[in-house]
Amino acid sequence: MSIEARLAELGIELPKAAAPVAAYVPVVVANGLAHVSGQLPFVDGQLVTGRLGEDVSLEDGQAAARACGLMILSQLQEAGIALDRVERVVKLGAFVNSTADFTDQPKVANGASELMFEIFGDKGRHARAAVGVPALPLGAAVEVDAVIAIAD
């Protein structure tokens, strides 16, 4: 089954790829690896902002991380990389805007991780970092970047 068919089966529609907010490119491919810049969470066209442990719930944080995962896939497509060419999701890095006493960053990051498993199956299993930070660009609640192996 193609990834497009899998997305349709899951009822997932990818968002429009967001333009960079600073001096970088969204995707760089080198040596068979697509390095996807950190993506922010947009839900229904609106940026999810706030801080976990303060004004964003764990569930909303997980949904924000999932939205970042969807944006990663959109950026691949925008770069001209068909999702059927994904050989493996190698690594995700999740940055969670959180209070000093919030320690569930890994649970927040599961929103993006579980999405990759859901779409790509075993090829979606990856290494990961989940880090708490005091602030993110534009006040975003979560940011996720990725390294993805791409077939020729």
C-alpha atoms as a PDB file:
ATOM      1  CA  MET A   1       0.000   0.000   0.000  1.00  0.00           C
ATOM      2  CA  SER A   2       1.315   3.444  -0.890  1.00  0.00           C
ATOM      3  CA  ILE A   3       1.792   6.019   1.836  1.00  0.00           C
ATOM      4  CA  GLU A   4      -0.816   8.227   0.135  1.00  0.00           C
ATOM      5  CA  ALA A   5      -3.297   5.335   0.385  1.00  0.00           C
ATOM      6  CA  ARG A   6      -2.281   4.750   4.020  1.00  0.00           C
ATOM      7  CA  LEU A   7      -2.898   8.431   4.838  1.00  0.00           C
ATOM      8  CA  ALA A   8      -6.322   8.246   3.188  1.00  0.00           C
ATOM      9  CA  GLU A   9      -7.127   5.041   5.091  1.00  0.00           C
ATOM     10  CA  LEU A  10      -6.215   6.790   8.354  1.00  0.00           C
ATOM     11  CA  GLY A  11      -8.209   9.897   7.404  1.00  0.00           C
ATOM     12  CA  ILE A  12      -5.087  12.052   7.582  1.00  0.00           C
ATOM     13  CA  GLU A  13      -4.792  15.141   5.403  1.00  0.00           C
ATOM     14  CA  LEU A  14      -1.393  16.821   5.434  1.00  0.00           C
ATOM     15  CA  PRO A  15      -1.326  20.577   6.071  1.00  0.00           C
ATOM     16  CA  LYS A  16       0.198  23.098   3.674  1.00  0.00           C
ATOM     17  CA  ALA A  17       3.949  23.281   4.301  1.00  0.00           C
ATOM     18  CA  ALA A  18       4.822  26.313   6.421  1.00  0.00           C
ATOM     19  CA  ALA A  19       7.325  28.856   5.134  1.00  0.00           C
ATOM     20  CA  PRO A  20      10.562  29.253   7.144  1.00  0.00           C
ATOM     21  CA  VAL A  21      10.415  31.930   9.849  1.00  0.00           C
ATOM     22  CA  ALA A  22      14.145  32.738   9.664  1.00  0.00           C
ATOM     23  CA  ALA A  23      17.275  32.165   7.554  1.00  0.00           C
ATOM     24  CA  TYR A  24      17.176  28.414   6.863  1.00  0.00           C
ATOM     25  CA  VAL A  25      15.687  25.902   4.462  1.00  0.00           C
ATOM     26  CA  PRO A  26      13.049  23.403   5.588  1.00  0.00           C
ATOM     27  CA  VAL A  27      14.741  20.290   4.153  1.00  0.00           C
ATOM     28  CA  VAL A  28      18.318  19.419   3.219  1.00  0.00           C
ATOM     29  CA  VAL A  29      19.099  16.039   1.638  1.00  0.00           C
ATOM     30  CA  ALA A  30      22.665  14.730   2.022  1.00  0.00           C
ATOM     31  CA  ASN A  31      23.966  11.186   1.657  1.00  0.00           C
ATOM     32  CA  GLY A  32      20.494   9.684   1.456  1.00  0.00           C
ATOM     33  CA  LEU A  33      19.238  11.442   4.573  1.00  0.00           C
ATOM     34  CA  ALA A  34      16.611  14.178   4.618  1.00  0.00           C
ATOM     35  CA  HIS A  35      17.285  16.568   7.491  1.00  0.00           C
ATOM     36  CA  VAL A  36      14.018  18.352   8.235  1.00  0.00           C
ATOM     37  CA  SER A  37      14.295  21.614  10.154  1.00  0.00           C
ATOM     38  CA  GLY A  38      12.289  22.020  13.341  1.00  0.00           C
ATOM     39  CA  GLN A  39       8.582  22.272  12.587  1.00  0.00           C
ATOM     40  CA  LEU A  40       6.025  24.118  14.672  1.00  0.00           C
ATOM     41  CA  PRO A  41       2.511  22.872  15.450  1.00  0.00           C
ATOM     42  CA  PHE A  42      -0.274  24.312  13.329  1.00  0.00           C
ATOM     43  CA  VAL A  43      -3.802  23.044  14.001  1.00  0.00           C
ATOM     44  CA  ASP A  44      -6.534  24.359  11.709  1.00  0.00           C
ATOM     45  CA  GLY A  45      -4.068  26.965  10.449  1.00  0.00           C
ATOM     46  CA  GLN A  46      -3.350  28.327  13.929  1.00  0.00           C
ATOM     47  CA  LEU A  47      -0.044  28.007  15.776  1.00  0.00           C
ATOM     48  CA  VAL A  48      -0.390  26.098  19.068  1.00  0.00           C
ATOM     49  CA  THR A  49       1.289  28.285  21.690  1.00  0.00           C
ATOM     50  CA  GLY A  50       1.817  28.085  25.422  1.00  0.00           C
ATOM     51  CA  ARG A  51       3.764  26.132  27.988  1.00  0.00           C
ATOM     52  CA  LEU A  52       3.319  22.590  29.220  1.00  0.00           C
ATOM     53  CA  GLY A  53       2.885  22.517  32.985  1.00  0.00           C
ATOM     54  CA  GLU A  54       1.345  25.984  32.867  1.00  0.00           C
ATOM     55  CA  ASP A  55      -1.410  26.586  30.295  1.00  0.00           C
ATOM     56  CA  VAL A  56      -1.135  23.610  27.896  1.00  0.00           C
ATOM     57  CA  SER A  57      -2.395  20.166  28.919  1.00  0.00           C
ATOM     58  CA  LEU A  58      -0.467  16.962  28.263  1.00  0.00           C
ATOM     59  CA  GLU A  59      -3.125  15.921  25.733  1.00  0.00           C
ATOM     60  CA  ASP A  60      -2.897  19.248  23.896  1.00  0.00           C
ATOM     61  CA  GLY A  61       0.902  18.951  23.923  1.00  0.00           C
ATOM     62  CA  GLN A  62       0.674  15.491  22.366  1.00  0.00           C
ATOM     63  CA  ALA A  63      -1.688  16.829  19.694  1.00  0.00           C
ATOM     64  CA  ALA A  64       0.772  19.672  19.040  1.00  0.00           C
ATOM     65  CA  ALA A  65       3.635  17.181  18.622  1.00  0.00           C
ATOM     66  CA  ARG A  66       1.472  15.178  16.209  1.00  0.00           C
ATOM     67  CA  ALA A  67       0.828  18.380  14.233  1.00  0.00           C
ATOM     68  CA  CYS A  68       4.605  18.918  14.051  1.00  0.00           C
ATOM     69  CA  GLY A  69       4.949  15.377  12.673  1.00  0.00           C
ATOM     70  CA  LEU A  70       2.375  16.112   9.987  1.00  0.00           C
ATOM     71  CA  MET A  71       4.265  19.287   9.063  1.00  0.00           C
ATOM     72  CA  ILE A  72       7.500  17.264   8.750  1.00  0.00           C
ATOM     73  CA  LEU A  73       5.786  15.078   6.145  1.00  0.00           C
ATOM     74  CA  SER A  74       4.402  18.150   4.366  1.00  0.00           C
ATOM     75  CA  GLN A  75       7.890  19.631   4.181  1.00  0.00           C
ATOM     76  CA  LEU A  76       9.212  16.436   2.591  1.00  0.00           C
ATOM     77  CA  GLN A  77       6.523  16.628  -0.067  1.00  0.00           C
ATOM     78  CA  GLU A  78       7.134  20.348  -0.613  1.00  0.00           C
ATOM     79  CA  ALA A  79      10.806  19.499  -1.201  1.00  0.00           C
ATOM     80  CA  GLY A  80       9.740  17.079  -3.934  1.00  0.00           C
ATOM     81  CA  ILE A  81      10.298  13.917  -1.897  1.00  0.00           C
ATOM     82  CA  ALA A  82       7.492  11.383  -2.325  1.00  0.00           C
ATOM     83  CA  LEU A  83       6.557   9.795   1.003  1.00  0.00           C
ATOM     84  CA  ASP A  84       6.826   6.346  -0.623  1.00  0.00           C
ATOM     85  CA  ARG A  85      10.582   7.000  -0.789  1.00  0.00           C
ATOM     86  CA  VAL A  86      10.885   7.024   3.017  1.00  0.00           C
ATOM     87  CA  GLU A  87      13.094   4.066   3.925  1.00  0.00           C
ATOM     88  CA  ARG A  88      13.213   4.835   7.637  1.00  0.00           C
ATOM     89  CA  VAL A  89      12.434   7.560  10.100  1.00  0.00           C
ATOM     90  CA  VAL A  90      15.873   7.659  11.693  1.00  0.00           C
ATOM     91  CA  LYS A  91      15.479  10.213  14.475  1.00  0.00           C
ATOM     92  CA  LEU A  92      13.064  12.792  15.853  1.00  0.00           C
ATOM     93  CA  GLY A  93      14.047  15.628  18.136  1.00  0.00           C
ATOM     94  CA  ALA A  94      11.224  17.055  20.226  1.00  0.00           C
ATOM     95  CA  PHE A  95      11.528  20.365  22.026  1.00  0.00           C
ATOM     96  CA  VAL A  96       8.794  21.049  24.567  1.00  0.00           C
ATOM     97  CA  ASN A  97       8.105  24.542  25.892  1.00  0.00           C
ATOM     98  CA  SER A  98       7.652  23.617  29.547  1.00  0.00           C
ATOM     99  CA  THR A  99       7.937  24.753  33.121  1.00  0.00           C
ATOM    100  CA  ALA A 100      10.921  23.693  35.216  1.00  0.00           C
ATOM    101  CA  ASP A 101       8.847  21.118  37.112  1.00  0.00           C
ATOM    102  CA  PHE A 102       7.213  19.532  34.031  1.00  0.00           C
ATOM    103  CA  THR A 103       8.873  16.164  33.346  1.00  0.00           C
ATOM    104  CA  ASP A 104       6.573  14.491  30.809  1.00  0.00           C
ATOM    105  CA  GLN A 105       8.420  15.673  27.690  1.00  0.00           C
ATOM    106  CA  PRO A 106       8.698  12.052  26.440  1.00  0.00           C
ATOM    107  CA  LYS A 107       4.917  11.658  26.686  1.00  0.00           C
ATOM    108  CA  VAL A 108       4.438  14.876  24.698  1.00  0.00           C
ATOM    109  CA  ALA A 109       6.905  13.687  22.039  1.00  0.00           C
ATOM    110  CA  ASN A 110       4.892  10.478  21.679  1.00  0.00           C
ATOM    111  CA  GLY A 111       2.391  12.513  19.675  1.00  0.00           C
ATOM    112  CA  ALA A 112       4.908  12.725  16.810  1.00  0.00           C
ATOM    113  CA  SER A 113       6.468   9.304  17.385  1.00  0.00           C
ATOM    114  CA  GLU A 114       3.196   7.407  17.360  1.00  0.00           C
ATOM    115  CA  LEU A 115       2.174   9.222  14.163  1.00  0.00           C
ATOM    116  CA  MET A 116       5.311   7.941  12.410  1.00  0.00           C
ATOM    117  CA  PHE A 117       4.627   4.367  13.590  1.00  0.00           C
ATOM    118  CA  GLU A 118       0.987   4.677  12.499  1.00  0.00           C
ATOM    119  CA  ILE A 119       1.870   5.831   8.988  1.00  0.00           C
ATOM    120  CA  PHE A 120       5.109   3.977   8.221  1.00  0.00           C
ATOM    121  CA  GLY A 121       4.866   0.874  10.431  1.00  0.00           C
ATOM    122  CA  ASP A 122       8.287  -0.523  11.371  1.00  0.00           C
ATOM    123  CA  LYS A 123       9.979   2.018   9.066  1.00  0.00           C
ATOM    124  CA  GLY A 124       8.576   4.676  11.407  1.00  0.00           C
ATOM    125  CA  ARG A 125      10.390   3.338  14.491  1.00  0.00           C
ATOM    126  CA  HIS A 126      13.145   5.788  15.346  1.00  0.00           C
ATOM    127  CA  ALA A 127      15.648   7.097  17.836  1.00  0.00           C
ATOM    128  CA  ARG A 128      14.505  10.218  19.662  1.00  0.00           C
ATOM    129  CA  ALA A 129      15.321  13.051  22.009  1.00  0.00           C
ATOM    130  CA  ALA A 130      12.637  14.827  24.049  1.00  0.00           C
ATOM    131  CA  VAL A 131      13.882  17.996  25.710  1.00  0.00           C
ATOM    132  CA  GLY A 132      12.229  20.603  27.879  1.00  0.00           C
ATOM    133  CA  VAL A 133      13.045  24.216  26.975  1.00  0.00           C
ATOM    134  CA  PRO A 134      12.003  27.559  28.529  1.00  0.00           C
ATOM    135  CA  ALA A 135      10.846  29.102  25.214  1.00  0.00           C
ATOM    136  CA  LEU A 136      10.354  28.262  21.533  1.00  0.00           C
ATOM    137  CA  PRO A 137      10.049  30.440  18.409  1.00  0.00           C
ATOM    138  CA  LEU A 138       6.794  32.413  18.201  1.00  0.00           C
ATOM    139  CA  GLY A 139       5.772  31.036  21.611  1.00  0.00           C
ATOM    140  CA  ALA A 140       5.111  27.556  20.169  1.00  0.00           C
ATOM    141  CA  ALA A 141       4.272  24.794  22.629  1.00  0.00           C
ATOM    142  CA  VAL A 142       6.328  22.154  20.774  1.00  0.00           C
ATOM    143  CA  GLU A 143       8.875  21.940  17.942  1.00  0.00           C
ATOM    144  CA  VAL A 144       9.996  18.702  16.262  1.00  0.00           C
ATOM    145  CA  ASP A 145      12.805  18.101  13.779  1.00  0.00           C
ATOM    146  CA  ALA A 146      13.671  14.890  11.933  1.00  0.00           C
ATOM    147  CA  VAL A 147      16.278  12.845  10.114  1.00  0.00           C
ATOM    148  CA  ILE A 148      14.714  10.527   7.529  1.00  0.00           C
ATOM    149  CA  ALA A 149      16.423   7.997   5.261  1.00  0.00           C
ATOM    150  CA  ILE A 150      15.275   8.395   1.651  1.00  0.00           C
ATOM    151  CA  ALA A 151      15.472   5.788  -1.124  1.00  0.00           C
ATOM    152  CA  ASP A 152      16.875   6.792  -4.518  1.00  0.00           C
END
